[in-house]
N, C-alpha and C. Protein backbone atom coordinates (compact mmCIF):
# COMPACT_ATOMS: atom_id res chain seq x y z
N MET A 1 0.87 -1.17 -0.04
CA MET A 1 0.07 -0.04 -0.01
C MET A 1 0.91 1.41 0.08
N GLU A 2 0.66 2.27 -0.91
CA GLU A 2 1.48 3.37 -0.94
C GLU A 2 0.77 4.65 -0.26
N ILE A 3 1.60 5.21 0.31
CA ILE A 3 1.06 6.34 1.35
C ILE A 3 1.56 7.64 0.44
N GLU A 4 0.50 8.56 0.12
CA GLU A 4 0.75 9.79 -0.46
C GLU A 4 1.94 10.42 0.36
N PRO A 5 2.75 11.19 -0.46
CA PRO A 5 3.80 11.93 0.53
C PRO A 5 3.16 13.07 1.28
N MET A 6 2.09 13.93 0.92
CA MET A 6 1.44 14.94 1.81
C MET A 6 0.88 14.18 3.01
N PHE A 7 0.32 12.85 2.79
CA PHE A 7 -0.28 12.14 4.01
C PHE A 7 0.73 11.70 4.85
N ALA A 8 1.84 11.37 4.31
CA ALA A 8 2.94 10.76 5.16
C ALA A 8 3.58 12.05 5.92
N THR A 9 3.67 13.22 5.39
CA THR A 9 4.27 14.32 6.03
C THR A 9 3.43 14.59 7.21
N LEU A 10 2.27 14.55 6.83
CA LEU A 10 1.03 15.14 8.11
C LEU A 10 1.21 14.09 9.32
N LEU A 11 1.29 12.83 8.79
CA LEU A 11 1.41 11.73 10.00
C LEU A 11 2.65 11.94 10.81
N MET A 12 3.90 12.27 10.02
CA MET A 12 5.26 12.52 10.74
C MET A 12 5.07 13.72 11.40
N GLU A 13 4.44 14.92 11.07
CA GLU A 13 4.11 16.04 11.91
C GLU A 13 3.46 15.61 13.16
N GLN A 14 2.35 14.88 12.78
CA GLN A 14 1.49 14.43 14.08
C GLN A 14 2.33 13.82 15.19
N GLU A 15 3.03 12.98 14.69
CA GLU A 15 3.97 12.04 15.72
C GLU A 15 4.85 12.88 16.24
N ILE A 16 5.56 13.99 15.63
CA ILE A 16 6.54 14.94 16.19
C ILE A 16 5.55 15.47 17.29
N ILE A 17 4.64 16.12 16.98
CA ILE A 17 4.19 16.99 18.05
C ILE A 17 3.61 15.95 19.17
N GLU A 18 2.99 14.99 18.85
CA GLU A 18 2.77 14.26 20.23
C GLU A 18 3.73 13.94 20.72
N GLU A 19 5.09 13.55 20.46
CA GLU A 19 6.03 13.16 21.26
C GLU A 19 6.65 14.32 21.89
N LYS A 20 6.76 15.37 21.35
CA LYS A 20 7.21 16.61 21.87
C LYS A 20 6.15 17.03 23.02
N LEU A 21 4.98 16.86 22.92
CA LEU A 21 3.94 17.38 24.21
C LEU A 21 4.31 16.19 25.34
N VAL A 22 4.49 15.05 24.77
CA VAL A 22 4.80 14.25 26.12
C VAL A 22 5.92 14.46 26.83
N GLN A 23 7.01 15.08 26.40
CA GLN A 23 8.17 15.30 26.96
C GLN A 23 8.03 16.65 27.66
N GLY A 24 6.80 17.36 27.76
CA GLY A 24 6.49 18.35 28.72
C GLY A 24 7.06 19.78 28.37
N ILE A 25 7.69 20.67 29.22
CA ILE A 25 8.01 21.90 28.83
C ILE A 25 8.96 22.09 28.09
N ASN A 26 10.01 20.96 28.18
CA ASN A 26 11.11 21.17 26.88
C ASN A 26 10.68 20.79 25.53
N GLY A 27 9.89 20.08 25.52
CA GLY A 27 9.37 19.57 24.26
C GLY A 27 8.59 20.54 23.49
N PHE A 28 7.65 21.26 24.62
CA PHE A 28 7.04 22.41 23.95
C PHE A 28 7.92 23.42 23.44
N GLU A 29 8.65 23.74 24.23
CA GLU A 29 9.67 24.99 24.10
C GLU A 29 10.45 24.56 22.65
N TRP A 30 10.77 23.55 22.19
CA TRP A 30 11.44 23.06 21.03
C TRP A 30 10.24 23.34 19.88
N LEU A 31 9.12 22.84 20.10
CA LEU A 31 7.96 23.15 19.09
C LEU A 31 7.93 24.66 18.97
N VAL A 32 7.79 25.54 19.86
CA VAL A 32 7.80 26.91 19.72
C VAL A 32 8.99 27.62 19.02
N LEU A 33 10.13 26.96 19.44
CA LEU A 33 11.46 27.24 18.39
C LEU A 33 11.26 27.34 17.11
N GLN A 34 10.57 26.21 16.72
CA GLN A 34 10.62 25.85 15.17
C GLN A 34 9.55 26.71 14.33
N VAL A 35 8.78 27.59 15.08
CA VAL A 35 7.76 28.47 14.61
C VAL A 35 8.47 29.78 13.88
N VAL A 36 8.23 29.79 12.56
CA VAL A 36 8.66 31.36 11.90
C VAL A 36 7.45 32.13 11.90
N VAL A 37 7.43 32.98 12.52
CA VAL A 37 6.38 34.01 12.61
C VAL A 37 6.46 35.05 11.58
N ASP A 38 5.88 34.90 10.52
CA ASP A 38 5.94 35.70 9.38
C ASP A 38 4.52 36.41 9.25
N GLN A 39 4.12 37.25 8.21
CA GLN A 39 3.12 38.07 8.30
C GLN A 39 1.78 37.12 8.03
N GLU A 40 1.87 36.11 7.43
CA GLU A 40 0.68 35.28 7.03
C GLU A 40 0.41 34.40 8.50
N ARG A 41 1.36 34.17 9.33
CA ARG A 41 1.18 33.64 10.62
C ARG A 41 0.25 34.27 11.50
N LYS A 42 0.97 35.86 11.59
CA LYS A 42 0.21 36.89 12.41
C LYS A 42 -1.15 36.86 12.00
N GLU A 43 -1.38 37.16 10.61
CA GLU A 43 -2.93 37.32 10.21
C GLU A 43 -3.44 36.23 10.45
N SER A 44 -2.92 35.11 10.16
CA SER A 44 -3.98 33.69 10.63
C SER A 44 -4.31 33.70 12.10
N LEU A 45 -3.20 33.87 13.27
CA LEU A 45 -3.74 34.17 14.45
C LEU A 45 -4.60 35.28 14.73
N GLU A 46 -4.69 36.29 14.27
CA GLU A 46 -5.41 37.27 14.20
C GLU A 46 -6.89 37.03 13.99
N THR A 47 -6.93 36.18 12.83
CA THR A 47 -8.47 35.85 12.22
C THR A 47 -8.98 34.76 13.24
N TRP A 48 -8.10 33.97 13.88
CA TRP A 48 -8.33 32.72 14.52
C TRP A 48 -8.88 33.40 15.88
N GLU A 49 -8.34 34.40 16.64
CA GLU A 49 -8.78 34.71 17.79
C GLU A 49 -10.05 35.61 17.38
N ARG A 50 -10.39 36.16 16.43
CA ARG A 50 -11.78 36.90 16.15
C ARG A 50 -12.74 35.75 15.99
N LEU A 51 -12.39 34.72 15.19
CA LEU A 51 -13.44 33.82 14.81
C LEU A 51 -13.82 32.67 16.07
N GLN A 52 -12.74 32.51 16.84
CA GLN A 52 -12.90 31.25 17.95
C GLN A 52 -13.88 32.21 19.12
N ILE A 53 -13.74 33.47 19.06
CA ILE A 53 -14.77 34.12 20.10
C ILE A 53 -16.30 33.68 19.71
N LEU A 54 -16.60 33.76 18.18
CA LEU A 54 -17.86 33.53 18.00
C LEU A 54 -18.10 32.05 17.83
N ALA A 55 -17.19 31.33 17.43
CA ALA A 55 -17.50 29.84 17.32
C ALA A 55 -17.38 28.77 18.43
N ALA A 56 -16.56 29.12 19.34
CA ALA A 56 -16.44 28.23 20.48
C ALA A 56 -17.48 28.14 21.41
N LYS A 57 -17.83 26.89 21.49
CA LYS A 57 -18.74 26.44 22.54
C LYS A 57 -18.49 27.21 23.98
N LYS A 58 -17.38 27.05 24.65
CA LYS A 58 -17.04 27.76 25.70
C LYS A 58 -16.45 28.92 25.30
N LYS A 59 -16.65 30.02 26.00
CA LYS A 59 -16.04 31.42 25.83
C LYS A 59 -14.98 31.56 26.73
N VAL A 60 -13.94 31.76 26.34
CA VAL A 60 -12.55 31.95 27.16
C VAL A 60 -11.52 32.96 26.48
N ASN A 61 -10.61 33.54 27.07
CA ASN A 61 -9.89 34.45 26.48
C ASN A 61 -8.73 33.51 25.76
N SER A 62 -7.87 34.24 24.88
CA SER A 62 -7.04 33.58 24.01
C SER A 62 -5.91 32.52 24.74
N LEU A 63 -5.44 33.19 26.00
CA LEU A 63 -4.50 32.52 26.69
C LEU A 63 -4.98 31.40 27.04
N THR A 64 -6.28 31.28 27.82
CA THR A 64 -6.85 30.08 28.43
C THR A 64 -7.11 29.02 27.28
N LEU A 65 -7.63 29.47 25.82
CA LEU A 65 -8.05 28.61 25.06
C LEU A 65 -6.76 28.12 24.51
N PHE A 66 -5.52 28.75 24.30
CA PHE A 66 -4.42 28.10 23.66
C PHE A 66 -3.63 27.17 24.99
N SER A 67 -3.64 27.46 26.00
CA SER A 67 -3.08 26.75 27.03
C SER A 67 -3.88 25.37 27.17
N ASP A 68 -5.18 25.61 26.82
CA ASP A 68 -6.00 24.27 26.98
C ASP A 68 -5.28 23.44 25.82
N ALA A 69 -5.17 24.00 24.49
CA ALA A 69 -4.78 23.34 23.50
C ALA A 69 -3.44 22.39 23.75
N ILE A 70 -2.83 23.09 24.61
CA ILE A 70 -1.45 22.38 24.82
C ILE A 70 -1.75 21.33 25.83
N ARG A 71 -2.41 21.63 26.95
CA ARG A 71 -2.83 20.74 27.91
C ARG A 71 -3.69 19.62 27.63
N MET A 72 -4.65 19.58 26.60
CA MET A 72 -5.53 18.48 26.28
C MET A 72 -5.30 17.97 25.13
N ASP A 73 -5.68 16.56 25.21
CA ASP A 73 -6.02 15.77 23.95
C ASP A 73 -6.96 16.60 22.87
N ALA A 74 -7.10 16.20 21.48
CA ALA A 74 -7.92 16.43 20.69
C ALA A 74 -9.34 16.36 21.09
N GLU A 75 -9.72 15.26 21.69
CA GLU A 75 -10.91 14.93 21.99
C GLU A 75 -11.69 15.54 22.92
N THR A 76 -10.65 15.97 24.06
CA THR A 76 -11.27 16.56 25.27
C THR A 76 -11.40 18.12 24.69
N PHE A 77 -10.29 18.62 24.08
CA PHE A 77 -10.43 20.03 23.69
C PHE A 77 -11.62 20.06 22.83
N TYR A 78 -12.09 19.20 22.02
CA TYR A 78 -13.15 19.27 21.14
C TYR A 78 -14.51 19.32 21.83
N ASN A 79 -14.57 18.62 22.86
CA ASN A 79 -15.75 18.33 23.66
C ASN A 79 -15.80 19.79 24.56
N ILE A 80 -15.06 20.13 24.69
CA ILE A 80 -15.15 21.42 25.66
C ILE A 80 -15.47 22.71 24.75
N TYR A 81 -14.83 22.72 23.73
CA TYR A 81 -14.85 23.95 22.56
C TYR A 81 -15.77 23.85 21.57
N GLU A 82 -15.84 22.66 21.10
CA GLU A 82 -16.30 22.35 19.86
C GLU A 82 -15.42 23.06 18.88
N LEU A 83 -14.09 23.21 19.07
CA LEU A 83 -13.18 23.69 17.92
C LEU A 83 -12.20 22.69 17.46
N ASN A 84 -11.54 22.60 16.41
CA ASN A 84 -10.67 21.69 15.78
C ASN A 84 -9.34 21.75 16.69
N TRP A 85 -8.87 21.01 17.20
CA TRP A 85 -7.51 20.89 18.08
C TRP A 85 -6.48 21.16 17.26
N TRP A 86 -6.08 20.50 16.17
CA TRP A 86 -5.19 20.99 15.32
C TRP A 86 -5.07 22.16 14.97
N MET A 87 -6.13 22.73 14.41
CA MET A 87 -5.94 24.27 13.97
C MET A 87 -5.66 25.22 15.23
N ALA A 88 -6.49 24.85 16.45
CA ALA A 88 -6.03 25.79 17.37
C ALA A 88 -4.79 25.49 18.18
N PHE A 89 -3.99 24.03 17.91
CA PHE A 89 -2.89 23.95 18.42
C PHE A 89 -1.69 24.73 17.50
N LYS A 90 -1.94 24.75 16.09
CA LYS A 90 -0.98 25.41 15.12
C LYS A 90 -0.94 26.96 15.53
N GLU A 91 -2.30 27.60 15.94
CA GLU A 91 -2.39 28.97 16.23
C GLU A 91 -1.78 29.06 17.62
N ALA A 92 -1.79 28.13 18.40
CA ALA A 92 -1.16 28.30 19.82
C ALA A 92 0.30 28.31 19.80
N LEU A 93 0.95 27.58 18.90
CA LEU A 93 2.21 27.58 18.53
C LEU A 93 2.66 29.26 18.16
N THR A 94 1.95 29.77 17.34
CA THR A 94 2.17 31.10 16.66
C THR A 94 2.05 32.10 17.95
N TYR A 95 1.01 32.00 18.91
CA TYR A 95 0.65 32.92 20.02
C TYR A 95 1.67 32.77 20.96
N PHE A 96 2.25 31.50 21.36
CA PHE A 96 3.29 31.54 22.32
C PHE A 96 4.76 31.85 21.63
N SER A 97 4.96 31.69 20.50
CA SER A 97 6.23 32.19 19.66
C SER A 97 6.17 33.63 19.93
N LEU A 98 5.15 34.24 19.62
CA LEU A 98 5.09 35.80 19.77
C LEU A 98 5.34 36.44 21.15
N MET A 99 4.47 35.44 22.12
CA MET A 99 4.71 35.89 23.39
C MET A 99 5.95 35.75 23.90
N ARG A 100 6.89 34.67 23.33
CA ARG A 100 8.26 34.59 23.78
C ARG A 100 9.22 35.64 23.17
N LEU A 101 8.89 36.29 22.08
CA LEU A 101 9.63 37.16 21.24
C LEU A 101 9.35 38.56 22.03
N ARG A 102 8.22 38.88 22.69
CA ARG A 102 7.70 40.14 23.04
C ARG A 102 8.13 40.18 24.53
N ASN A 103 7.84 39.24 25.13
CA ASN A 103 8.34 39.11 26.92
C ASN A 103 8.50 38.00 27.11
N TYR A 104 10.00 37.65 26.99
CA TYR A 104 10.15 35.96 27.61
C TYR A 104 10.02 35.96 28.92
N ASN A 105 10.01 36.57 29.97
CA ASN A 105 9.60 36.37 31.09
C ASN A 105 8.27 36.12 31.34
N THR A 106 7.39 36.80 31.02
CA THR A 106 6.19 36.39 30.84
C THR A 106 5.70 35.07 30.28
N TYR A 107 6.34 34.77 28.98
CA TYR A 107 6.13 33.37 28.25
C TYR A 107 6.71 32.38 29.18
N LEU A 108 7.78 32.54 29.92
CA LEU A 108 8.50 31.31 30.68
C LEU A 108 7.41 31.04 31.76
N ASP A 109 6.93 32.16 32.50
CA ASP A 109 5.85 32.26 33.67
C ASP A 109 4.56 31.15 33.11
N VAL A 110 4.16 31.64 32.06
CA VAL A 110 2.80 31.21 31.36
C VAL A 110 3.18 29.32 31.29
N ILE A 111 4.09 29.25 30.65
CA ILE A 111 4.47 27.94 30.08
C ILE A 111 4.99 26.87 31.59
N LYS A 112 5.54 27.52 32.30
CA LYS A 112 5.92 26.60 33.70
C LYS A 112 4.53 26.62 34.29
N SER A 113 3.65 27.55 34.24
CA SER A 113 2.31 27.43 34.70
C SER A 113 1.36 26.18 34.35
N ILE A 114 1.47 26.33 32.89
CA ILE A 114 0.71 25.25 32.08
C ILE A 114 1.40 23.71 32.48
N PHE A 115 2.66 23.90 32.42
CA PHE A 115 3.15 22.31 32.55
C PHE A 115 3.47 21.86 33.91
N SER A 116 3.34 22.72 35.20
CA SER A 116 3.73 22.40 36.47
C SER A 116 2.68 22.06 37.10
N ASN A 117 1.24 22.11 36.72
CA ASN A 117 0.25 21.17 37.49
C ASN A 117 -0.23 20.17 36.82
N GLU A 118 0.39 19.01 37.22
CA GLU A 118 0.19 17.84 36.52
C GLU A 118 -1.26 17.45 36.69
N LEU A 119 -2.06 17.67 37.68
CA LEU A 119 -3.26 17.45 37.83
C LEU A 119 -4.14 17.96 36.69
N ALA A 120 -3.49 19.10 36.29
CA ALA A 120 -4.63 19.97 35.09
C ALA A 120 -4.26 19.33 33.84
N LEU A 121 -3.25 18.55 33.47
CA LEU A 121 -2.88 17.97 32.40
C LEU A 121 -3.79 16.83 31.88
N GLU A 122 -4.45 17.09 30.90
CA GLU A 122 -5.45 16.07 30.77
C GLU A 122 -4.94 15.27 29.31
N ARG A 123 -3.80 15.40 28.92
CA ARG A 123 -3.12 14.77 27.54
C ARG A 123 -2.91 13.64 27.76
N LYS A 124 -3.66 12.69 26.89
CA LYS A 124 -3.25 11.19 27.15
C LYS A 124 -1.93 10.80 26.39
N GLY A 125 -1.13 10.16 27.05
CA GLY A 125 0.32 9.92 26.40
C GLY A 125 0.79 8.64 27.04
């Protein structure tokens, strides 16, 4: 059975993301460092933030939504927000990459908070 190159690439990307998230804060930091924040990604994030306010089942601020995208698996995230986890996670990487560039200390405090509370982590791994 032959796998299409694009599908194989998506599967590999998914495996890398899942592996890095299981590694915790260091794995997430690695993912954030891979993000190249260009104008297209900035515009995508701005659009996502406007639309999620309208579309999400549970209304929260961007920091909470993107933190939950990191903490939760796709099914849990969807059950709470009725939003696509993969799309939210992509935007979360942009969000946290921008935060890291703008104010590293705030970024570090936030991700430490996300990963320090083991009871809050709902990721299946």
